[in-house]
PDB file of N, CA and C in Angstrom:
ATOM      1  N   MET A   1      22.704  73.031 -28.650  1.00  0.00           N
ATOM      2  CA  MET A   1      22.728  74.174 -29.518  1.00  0.00           C
ATOM      3  C   MET A   1      23.561  73.892 -30.763  1.00  0.00           C
ATOM      4  N   ASN A   2      24.480  72.952 -30.684  1.00  0.00           N
ATOM      5  CA  ASN A   2      25.317  72.587 -31.819  1.00  0.00           C
ATOM      6  C   ASN A   2      25.968  73.795 -32.467  1.00  0.00           C
ATOM      7  N   ASP A   3      26.757  74.483 -31.693  1.00  0.00           N
ATOM      8  CA  ASP A   3      27.486  75.652 -32.153  1.00  0.00           C
ATOM      9  C   ASP A   3      28.943  75.471 -31.754  1.00  0.00           C
ATOM     10  N   THR A   4      29.802  76.260 -32.344  1.00  0.00           N
ATOM     11  CA  THR A   4      31.200  76.240 -31.927  1.00  0.00           C
ATOM     12  C   THR A   4      31.342  77.085 -30.666  1.00  0.00           C
ATOM     13  N   GLU A   5      32.459  76.937 -29.992  1.00  0.00           N
ATOM     14  CA  GLU A   5      32.674  77.745 -28.788  1.00  0.00           C
ATOM     15  C   GLU A   5      32.695  79.224 -29.156  1.00  0.00           C
ATOM     16  N   GLU A   6      33.328  79.549 -30.265  1.00  0.00           N
ATOM     17  CA  GLU A   6      33.376  80.942 -30.713  1.00  0.00           C
ATOM     18  C   GLU A   6      31.979  81.477 -31.017  1.00  0.00           C
ATOM     19  N   GLY A   7      31.167  80.678 -31.709  1.00  0.00           N
ATOM     20  CA  GLY A   7      29.797  81.085 -32.023  1.00  0.00           C
ATOM     21  C   GLY A   7      28.948  81.246 -30.778  1.00  0.00           C
ATOM     22  N   MET A   8      29.127  80.347 -29.820  1.00  0.00           N
ATOM     23  CA  MET A   8      28.363  80.432 -28.576  1.00  0.00           C
ATOM     24  C   MET A   8      28.713  81.718 -27.835  1.00  0.00           C
ATOM     25  N   ARG A   9      29.985  82.032 -27.773  1.00  0.00           N
ATOM     26  CA  ARG A   9      30.408  83.250 -27.074  1.00  0.00           C
ATOM     27  C   ARG A   9      29.915  84.505 -27.797  1.00  0.00           C
ATOM     28  N   ARG A  10      29.818  84.446 -29.109  1.00  0.00           N
ATOM     29  CA  ARG A  10      29.338  85.587 -29.882  1.00  0.00           C
ATOM     30  C   ARG A  10      27.848  85.828 -29.632  1.00  0.00           C
ATOM     31  N   HIS A  11      27.055  84.758 -29.529  1.00  0.00           N
ATOM     32  CA  HIS A  11      25.604  84.881 -29.374  1.00  0.00           C
ATOM     33  C   HIS A  11      25.142  84.879 -27.915  1.00  0.00           C
ATOM     34  N   TRP A  12      25.917  84.252 -27.042  1.00  0.00           N
ATOM     35  CA  TRP A  12      25.522  84.119 -25.631  1.00  0.00           C
ATOM     36  C   TRP A  12      26.639  84.646 -24.745  1.00  0.00           C
ATOM     37  N   ASN A  13      26.656  85.943 -24.506  1.00  0.00           N
ATOM     38  CA  ASN A  13      27.678  86.491 -23.626  1.00  0.00           C
ATOM     39  C   ASN A  13      27.327  86.181 -22.167  1.00  0.00           C
ATOM     40  N   ASP A  14      28.283  86.417 -21.270  1.00  0.00           N
ATOM     41  CA  ASP A  14      28.086  86.069 -19.852  1.00  0.00           C
ATOM     42  C   ASP A  14      26.882  86.780 -19.246  1.00  0.00           C
ATOM     43  N   LYS A  15      26.648  88.024 -19.638  1.00  0.00           N
ATOM     44  CA  LYS A  15      25.512  88.763 -19.090  1.00  0.00           C
ATOM     45  C   LYS A  15      24.198  88.071 -19.440  1.00  0.00           C
ATOM     46  N   ARG A  16      24.083  87.561 -20.656  1.00  0.00           N
ATOM     47  CA  ARG A  16      22.876  86.859 -21.091  1.00  0.00           C
ATOM     48  C   ARG A  16      22.704  85.544 -20.329  1.00  0.00           C
ATOM     49  N   TRP A  17      23.800  84.798 -20.170  1.00  0.00           N
ATOM     50  CA  TRP A  17      23.748  83.545 -19.407  1.00  0.00           C
ATOM     51  C   TRP A  17      23.321  83.820 -17.973  1.00  0.00           C
ATOM     52  N   GLU A  18      23.943  84.833 -17.357  1.00  0.00           N
ATOM     53  CA  GLU A  18      23.662  85.128 -15.950  1.00  0.00           C
ATOM     54  C   GLU A  18      22.201  85.508 -15.744  1.00  0.00           C
ATOM     55  N   HIS A  19      21.626  86.243 -16.676  1.00  0.00           N
ATOM     56  CA  HIS A  19      20.212  86.610 -16.574  1.00  0.00           C
ATOM     57  C   HIS A  19      19.336  85.356 -16.572  1.00  0.00           C
ATOM     58  N   MET A  20      19.596  84.450 -17.517  1.00  0.00           N
ATOM     59  CA  MET A  20      18.810  83.225 -17.613  1.00  0.00           C
ATOM     60  C   MET A  20      19.023  82.341 -16.375  1.00  0.00           C
ATOM     61  N   GLU A  21      20.274  82.201 -15.940  1.00  0.00           N
ATOM     62  CA  GLU A  21      20.571  81.365 -14.773  1.00  0.00           C
ATOM     63  C   GLU A  21      19.917  81.916 -13.509  1.00  0.00           C
ATOM     64  N   ARG A  22      19.929  83.226 -13.337  1.00  0.00           N
ATOM     65  CA  ARG A  22      19.316  83.847 -12.164  1.00  0.00           C
ATOM     66  C   ARG A  22      17.805  83.626 -12.162  1.00  0.00           C
ATOM     67  N   TYR A  23      17.177  83.781 -13.322  1.00  0.00           N
ATOM     68  CA  TYR A  23      15.730  83.598 -13.450  1.00  0.00           C
ATOM     69  C   TYR A  23      15.333  82.156 -13.121  1.00  0.00           C
ATOM     70  N   ILE A  24      16.008  81.199 -13.732  1.00  0.00           N
ATOM     71  CA  ILE A  24      15.689  79.783 -13.497  1.00  0.00           C
ATOM     72  C   ILE A  24      16.064  79.388 -12.076  1.00  0.00           C
ATOM     73  N   GLY A  25      17.176  79.926 -11.554  1.00  0.00           N
ATOM     74  CA  GLY A  25      17.616  79.621 -10.192  1.00  0.00           C
ATOM     75  C   GLY A  25      16.619  80.059  -9.133  1.00  0.00           C
ATOM     76  N   ARG A  26      15.873  81.111  -9.402  1.00  0.00           N
ATOM     77  CA  ARG A  26      14.848  81.554  -8.445  1.00  0.00           C
ATOM     78  C   ARG A  26      13.687  80.575  -8.389  1.00  0.00           C
ATOM     79  N   ILE A  27      13.347  80.000  -9.523  1.00  0.00           N
ATOM     80  CA  ILE A  27      12.212  79.084  -9.597  1.00  0.00           C
ATOM     81  C   ILE A  27      12.594  77.693  -9.087  1.00  0.00           C
ATOM     82  N   PHE A  28      13.745  77.207  -9.491  1.00  0.00           N
ATOM     83  CA  PHE A  28      14.170  75.849  -9.122  1.00  0.00           C
ATOM     84  C   PHE A  28      15.300  75.921  -8.110  1.00  0.00           C
ATOM     85  N   THR A  29      16.493  75.599  -8.529  1.00  0.00           N
ATOM     86  CA  THR A  29      17.681  75.678  -7.677  1.00  0.00           C
ATOM     87  C   THR A  29      18.795  76.330  -8.498  1.00  0.00           C
ATOM     88  N   PRO A  30      19.840  76.818  -7.839  1.00  0.00           N
ATOM     89  CA  PRO A  30      20.950  77.408  -8.607  1.00  0.00           C
ATOM     90  C   PRO A  30      21.490  76.422  -9.639  1.00  0.00           C
ATOM     91  N   LEU A  31      21.892  76.958 -10.773  1.00  0.00           N
ATOM     92  CA  LEU A  31      22.340  76.129 -11.889  1.00  0.00           C
ATOM     93  C   LEU A  31      23.848  75.981 -11.930  1.00  0.00           C
ATOM     94  N   GLN A  32      24.276  74.929 -12.619  1.00  0.00           N
ATOM     95  CA  GLN A  32      25.678  74.758 -12.975  1.00  0.00           C
ATOM     96  C   GLN A  32      25.722  74.718 -14.489  1.00  0.00           C
ATOM     97  N   ARG A  33      26.430  75.640 -15.087  1.00  0.00           N
ATOM     98  CA  ARG A  33      26.492  75.731 -16.548  1.00  0.00           C
ATOM     99  C   ARG A  33      27.491  74.717 -17.099  1.00  0.00           C
ATOM    100  N   ILE A  34      27.054  73.924 -18.073  1.00  0.00           N
ATOM    101  CA  ILE A  34      27.916  72.967 -18.760  1.00  0.00           C
ATOM    102  C   ILE A  34      27.747  73.201 -20.253  1.00  0.00           C
ATOM    103  N   CYS A  35      28.822  73.504 -20.940  1.00  0.00           N
ATOM    104  CA  CYS A  35      28.783  73.720 -22.385  1.00  0.00           C
ATOM    105  C   CYS A  35      29.569  72.606 -23.060  1.00  0.00           C
ATOM    106  N   ALA A  36      28.928  71.884 -23.968  1.00  0.00           N
ATOM    107  CA  ALA A  36      29.583  70.801 -24.695  1.00  0.00           C
ATOM    108  C   ALA A  36      29.572  71.131 -26.183  1.00  0.00           C
ATOM    109  N   PHE A  37      30.720  71.000 -26.813  1.00  0.00           N
ATOM    110  CA  PHE A  37      30.836  71.332 -28.233  1.00  0.00           C
ATOM    111  C   PHE A  37      31.148  70.095 -29.071  1.00  0.00           C
ATOM    112  N   ASN A  38      31.060  68.931 -28.480  1.00  0.00           N
ATOM    113  CA  ASN A  38      31.360  67.680 -29.191  1.00  0.00           C
ATOM    114  C   ASN A  38      30.089  66.842 -29.328  1.00  0.00           C
ATOM    115  N   THR A  39      29.029  67.443 -29.844  1.00  0.00           N
ATOM    116  CA  THR A  39      27.748  66.757 -29.972  1.00  0.00           C
ATOM    117  C   THR A  39      27.566  66.215 -31.386  1.00  0.00           C
ATOM    118  N   TYR A  40      26.644  65.275 -31.543  1.00  0.00           N
ATOM    119  CA  TYR A  40      26.364  64.660 -32.833  1.00  0.00           C
ATOM    120  C   TYR A  40      25.080  65.220 -33.423  1.00  0.00           C
ATOM    121  N   GLN A  41      25.046  65.344 -34.749  1.00  0.00           N
ATOM    122  CA  GLN A  41      23.826  65.684 -35.472  1.00  0.00           C
ATOM    123  C   GLN A  41      23.707  64.716 -36.639  1.00  0.00           C
ATOM    124  N   PHE A  42      22.494  64.216 -36.865  1.00  0.00           N
ATOM    125  CA  PHE A  42      22.239  63.300 -37.968  1.00  0.00           C
ATOM    126  C   PHE A  42      21.077  63.821 -38.798  1.00  0.00           C
ATOM    127  N   LYS A  43      21.126  63.569 -40.103  1.00  0.00           N
ATOM    128  CA  LYS A  43      19.995  63.948 -40.956  1.00  0.00           C
ATOM    129  C   LYS A  43      18.783  63.064 -40.663  1.00  0.00           C
ATOM    130  N   ASP A  44      19.035  61.767 -40.398  1.00  0.00           N
ATOM    131  CA  ASP A  44      17.968  60.822 -40.100  1.00  0.00           C
ATOM    132  C   ASP A  44      18.343  60.059 -38.825  1.00  0.00           C
ATOM    133  N   TYR A  45      17.781  60.441 -37.714  1.00  0.00           N
ATOM    134  CA  TYR A  45      18.144  59.838 -36.428  1.00  0.00           C
ATOM    135  C   TYR A  45      17.718  58.373 -36.331  1.00  0.00           C
ATOM    136  N   ASN A  46      16.772  57.941 -37.129  1.00  0.00           N
ATOM    137  CA  ASN A  46      16.348  56.540 -37.113  1.00  0.00           C
ATOM    138  C   ASN A  46      17.371  55.619 -37.764  1.00  0.00           C
ATOM    139  N   ALA A  47      18.283  56.169 -38.541  1.00  0.00           N
ATOM    140  CA  ALA A  47      19.272  55.356 -39.254  1.00  0.00           C
ATOM    141  C   ALA A  47      20.495  55.034 -38.389  1.00  0.00           C
ATOM    142  N   TYR A  48      20.592  55.611 -37.205  1.00  0.00           N
ATOM    143  CA  TYR A  48      21.758  55.434 -36.351  1.00  0.00           C
ATOM    144  C   TYR A  48      21.366  54.951 -34.975  1.00  0.00           C
ATOM    145  N   LYS A  49      22.251  54.144 -34.402  1.00  0.00           N
ATOM    146  CA  LYS A  49      22.080  53.745 -33.012  1.00  0.00           C
ATOM    147  C   LYS A  49      23.250  54.344 -32.245  1.00  0.00           C
ATOM    148  N   THR A  50      22.942  55.191 -31.293  1.00  0.00           N
ATOM    149  CA  THR A  50      23.993  55.834 -30.516  1.00  0.00           C
ATOM    150  C   THR A  50      23.750  55.619 -29.034  1.00  0.00           C
ATOM    151  N   ASN A  51      24.805  55.758 -28.279  1.00  0.00           N
ATOM    152  CA  ASN A  51      24.689  55.740 -26.827  1.00  0.00           C
ATOM    153  C   ASN A  51      24.324  57.155 -26.415  1.00  0.00           C
ATOM    154  N   GLY A  52      23.041  57.369 -26.178  1.00  0.00           N
ATOM    155  CA  GLY A  52      22.536  58.707 -25.908  1.00  0.00           C
ATOM    156  C   GLY A  52      23.143  59.355 -24.698  1.00  0.00           C
ATOM    157  N   PHE A  53      22.565  59.143 -23.547  1.00  0.00           N
ATOM    158  CA  PHE A  53      23.026  59.776 -22.338  1.00  0.00           C
ATOM    159  C   PHE A  53      23.795  58.757 -21.515  1.00  0.00           C
ATOM    160  N   LEU A  54      25.089  58.849 -21.582  1.00  0.00           N
ATOM    161  CA  LEU A  54      25.925  57.922 -20.820  1.00  0.00           C
ATOM    162  C   LEU A  54      26.015  58.391 -19.390  1.00  0.00           C
ATOM    163  N   SER A  55      26.079  57.460 -18.487  1.00  0.00           N
ATOM    164  CA  SER A  55      26.233  57.787 -17.082  1.00  0.00           C
ATOM    165  C   SER A  55      27.658  58.249 -16.827  1.00  0.00           C
ATOM    166  N   VAL A  56      27.801  59.441 -16.272  1.00  0.00           N
ATOM    167  CA  VAL A  56      29.130  60.002 -16.007  1.00  0.00           C
ATOM    168  C   VAL A  56      29.240  60.285 -14.525  1.00  0.00           C
ATOM    169  N   SER A  57      30.295  59.778 -13.927  1.00  0.00           N
ATOM    170  CA  SER A  57      30.522  60.018 -12.506  1.00  0.00           C
ATOM    171  C   SER A  57      31.323  61.298 -12.330  1.00  0.00           C
ATOM    172  N   PRO A  58      30.967  62.118 -11.348  1.00  0.00           N
ATOM    173  CA  PRO A  58      31.727  63.363 -11.119  1.00  0.00           C
ATOM    174  C   PRO A  58      33.115  63.110 -10.596  1.00  0.00           C
TER     175      PRO A  58
END
């Protein structure tokens, strides 16, 4: 979403998240919400080489 934590809380309150999580949880499995605010955005993604999805151990 590339928003700040403040912006995310302003647009996505807990009630809205819970509605979406409950709906998707019925179809698939219960969700775990993870919000990351340290994401990258580039004007031209072909001009950069990044480590996309790094393997993270819990």
